[in-house]
Protein backbone atom coordinates (compact mmCIF):
# COMPACT_ATOMS: atom_id res chain seq x y z
CA UNK A 1 -20.54 -13.31 82.00
CA UNK A 2 -19.24 -16.72 83.02
CA UNK A 3 -15.50 -17.26 82.91
CA UNK A 4 -15.82 -20.00 80.23
CA UNK A 5 -18.35 -18.22 78.00
CA UNK A 6 -17.57 -16.12 74.96
CA UNK A 7 -19.47 -14.70 72.03
CA UNK A 8 -17.15 -15.59 69.14
CA UNK A 9 -13.81 -17.13 68.28
CA UNK A 10 -11.53 -15.29 65.86
CA UNK A 11 -9.08 -17.34 63.81
CA UNK A 12 -6.16 -16.01 61.85
CA UNK A 13 -6.28 -18.28 58.81
CA UNK A 14 -2.67 -18.82 57.75
CA UNK A 15 -0.74 -20.96 60.18
CA UNK A 16 -3.71 -21.47 62.51
CA UNK A 17 -6.46 -23.05 60.42
CA UNK A 18 -4.63 -23.75 57.18
CA UNK A 19 -0.98 -24.44 56.44
CA UNK A 20 -1.03 -22.35 53.29
CA UNK A 21 2.33 -20.58 53.43
CA UNK A 22 4.06 -23.01 51.01
CA UNK A 23 1.17 -22.60 48.57
CA UNK A 24 1.50 -18.81 48.59
CA UNK A 25 5.05 -19.02 47.31
CA UNK A 26 4.25 -21.83 44.87
CA UNK A 27 1.33 -19.88 43.40
CA UNK A 28 3.61 -16.90 42.68
CA UNK A 29 6.16 -19.21 41.04
CA UNK A 30 3.51 -20.80 38.84
CA UNK A 31 2.17 -17.43 37.69
CA UNK A 32 5.71 -16.20 36.97
CA UNK A 33 6.38 -19.39 35.04
CA UNK A 34 3.26 -18.75 32.95
CA UNK A 35 4.47 -15.18 32.32
CA UNK A 36 7.97 -16.39 31.36
CA UNK A 37 9.77 -15.27 34.54
CA UNK A 38 10.10 -18.49 36.56
CA UNK A 39 13.89 -18.40 36.75
CA UNK A 40 14.32 -14.63 36.49
CA UNK A 41 11.61 -13.18 38.75
CA UNK A 42 14.22 -11.71 41.11
CA UNK A 43 12.07 -12.00 44.24
CA UNK A 44 13.59 -13.30 47.48
CA UNK A 45 10.50 -14.46 49.37
CA UNK A 46 11.86 -14.10 52.94
CA UNK A 47 12.17 -10.36 52.26
CA UNK A 48 8.39 -10.25 51.85
CA UNK A 49 7.16 -12.39 54.76
CA UNK A 50 4.32 -10.58 56.48
CA UNK A 51 3.89 -8.16 53.58
CA UNK A 52 0.96 -7.92 51.19
CA UNK A 53 0.80 -9.51 47.76
CA UNK A 54 0.66 -6.01 46.28
CA UNK A 55 4.11 -5.25 47.73
CA UNK A 56 5.51 -8.41 46.12
CA UNK A 57 3.98 -7.44 42.77
CA UNK A 58 5.27 -3.88 43.05
CA UNK A 59 8.82 -5.23 43.56
CA UNK A 60 8.36 -7.60 40.61
CA UNK A 61 7.11 -4.78 38.37
CA UNK A 62 10.14 -2.63 39.34
CA UNK A 63 12.42 -5.39 38.00
CA UNK A 64 10.38 -6.28 34.90
CA UNK A 65 7.86 -4.78 32.55
CA UNK A 66 5.02 -7.30 32.43
CA UNK A 67 2.24 -6.66 29.92
CA UNK A 68 -0.41 -6.85 32.66
CA UNK A 69 -1.61 -4.35 35.24
CA UNK A 70 -0.91 -4.91 38.91
CA UNK A 71 -4.61 -5.69 39.41
CA UNK A 72 -4.44 -8.37 36.70
CA UNK A 73 -1.30 -9.87 38.23
CA UNK A 74 -2.86 -9.93 41.70
CA UNK A 75 -5.97 -11.59 40.23
CA UNK A 76 -3.95 -14.25 38.39
CA UNK A 77 -2.09 -15.15 41.58
CA UNK A 78 -5.22 -15.15 43.75
CA UNK A 79 -7.04 -17.41 41.27
CA UNK A 80 -4.08 -19.82 41.21
CA UNK A 81 -3.84 -19.85 45.01
CA UNK A 82 -7.56 -20.55 45.41
CA UNK A 83 -7.33 -23.49 42.98
CA UNK A 84 -4.34 -24.84 44.91
CA UNK A 85 -6.11 -24.46 48.27
CA UNK A 86 -9.16 -26.31 46.97
CA UNK A 87 -6.95 -29.05 45.52
CA UNK A 88 -4.61 -29.54 48.50
CA UNK A 89 -7.00 -28.64 51.36
CA UNK A 90 -4.16 -27.81 53.78
CA UNK A 91 -6.34 -27.70 56.92
CA UNK A 92 -4.69 -28.60 60.19
CA UNK A 93 -6.24 -31.87 61.43
CA UNK A 94 -7.76 -30.62 64.69
CA UNK A 95 -9.44 -27.56 63.19
CA UNK A 96 -12.57 -29.11 61.70
CA UNK A 97 -13.66 -30.91 64.90
CA UNK A 98 -12.99 -27.71 66.87
CA UNK A 99 -15.15 -25.65 64.50
CA UNK A 100 -17.92 -28.24 64.70
CA UNK A 101 -17.78 -28.17 68.54
CA UNK A 102 -17.92 -24.39 68.54
CA UNK A 103 -20.86 -24.44 66.13
CA UNK A 104 -22.78 -26.85 68.39
CA UNK A 105 -22.26 -24.37 71.25
CA UNK A 106 -23.64 -21.61 69.06
CA UNK A 107 -20.28 -19.84 68.91
CA UNK A 108 -19.81 -18.39 65.43
CA UNK A 109 -16.26 -18.72 64.09
CA UNK A 110 -14.82 -15.56 62.57
CA UNK A 111 -11.72 -15.32 60.42
CA UNK A 112 -9.13 -12.61 60.15
CA UNK A 113 -6.25 -12.12 57.75
CA UNK A 114 -6.28 -11.41 54.06
CA UNK A 115 -9.53 -11.02 52.19
CA UNK A 116 -10.86 -14.12 50.53
CA UNK A 117 -13.00 -14.94 47.52
CA UNK A 118 -14.07 -18.17 49.17
CA UNK A 119 -16.18 -19.00 52.18
CA UNK A 120 -14.69 -21.40 54.72
CA UNK A 121 -15.96 -24.95 54.28
CA UNK A 122 -15.78 -27.81 56.75
């Protein structure tokens, strides 16, 4: 194998392809607002950096008794985040040309990170 050849490129989405971290927090706040907990959610986000959404929801549920299941809460937040991502399109500028160059070479981009309901679009 040549030194400059490779079979695939793996991207970690958040912070590499998309600057979505601010939208993660905002999507939680908007769901809590809708549920009536915007000012009283009791979650300190830095305590949850690098942790799953489920862990955040479990901590929220410990403090409150929402009338929704954890699966429903996770779904509400994921739906809100997806709408925000589609609206704001927080892609880093250089990513799209890079993906197009890789595609012309026949190198399939692969993503890692949290599961997604959406397919990457360029």
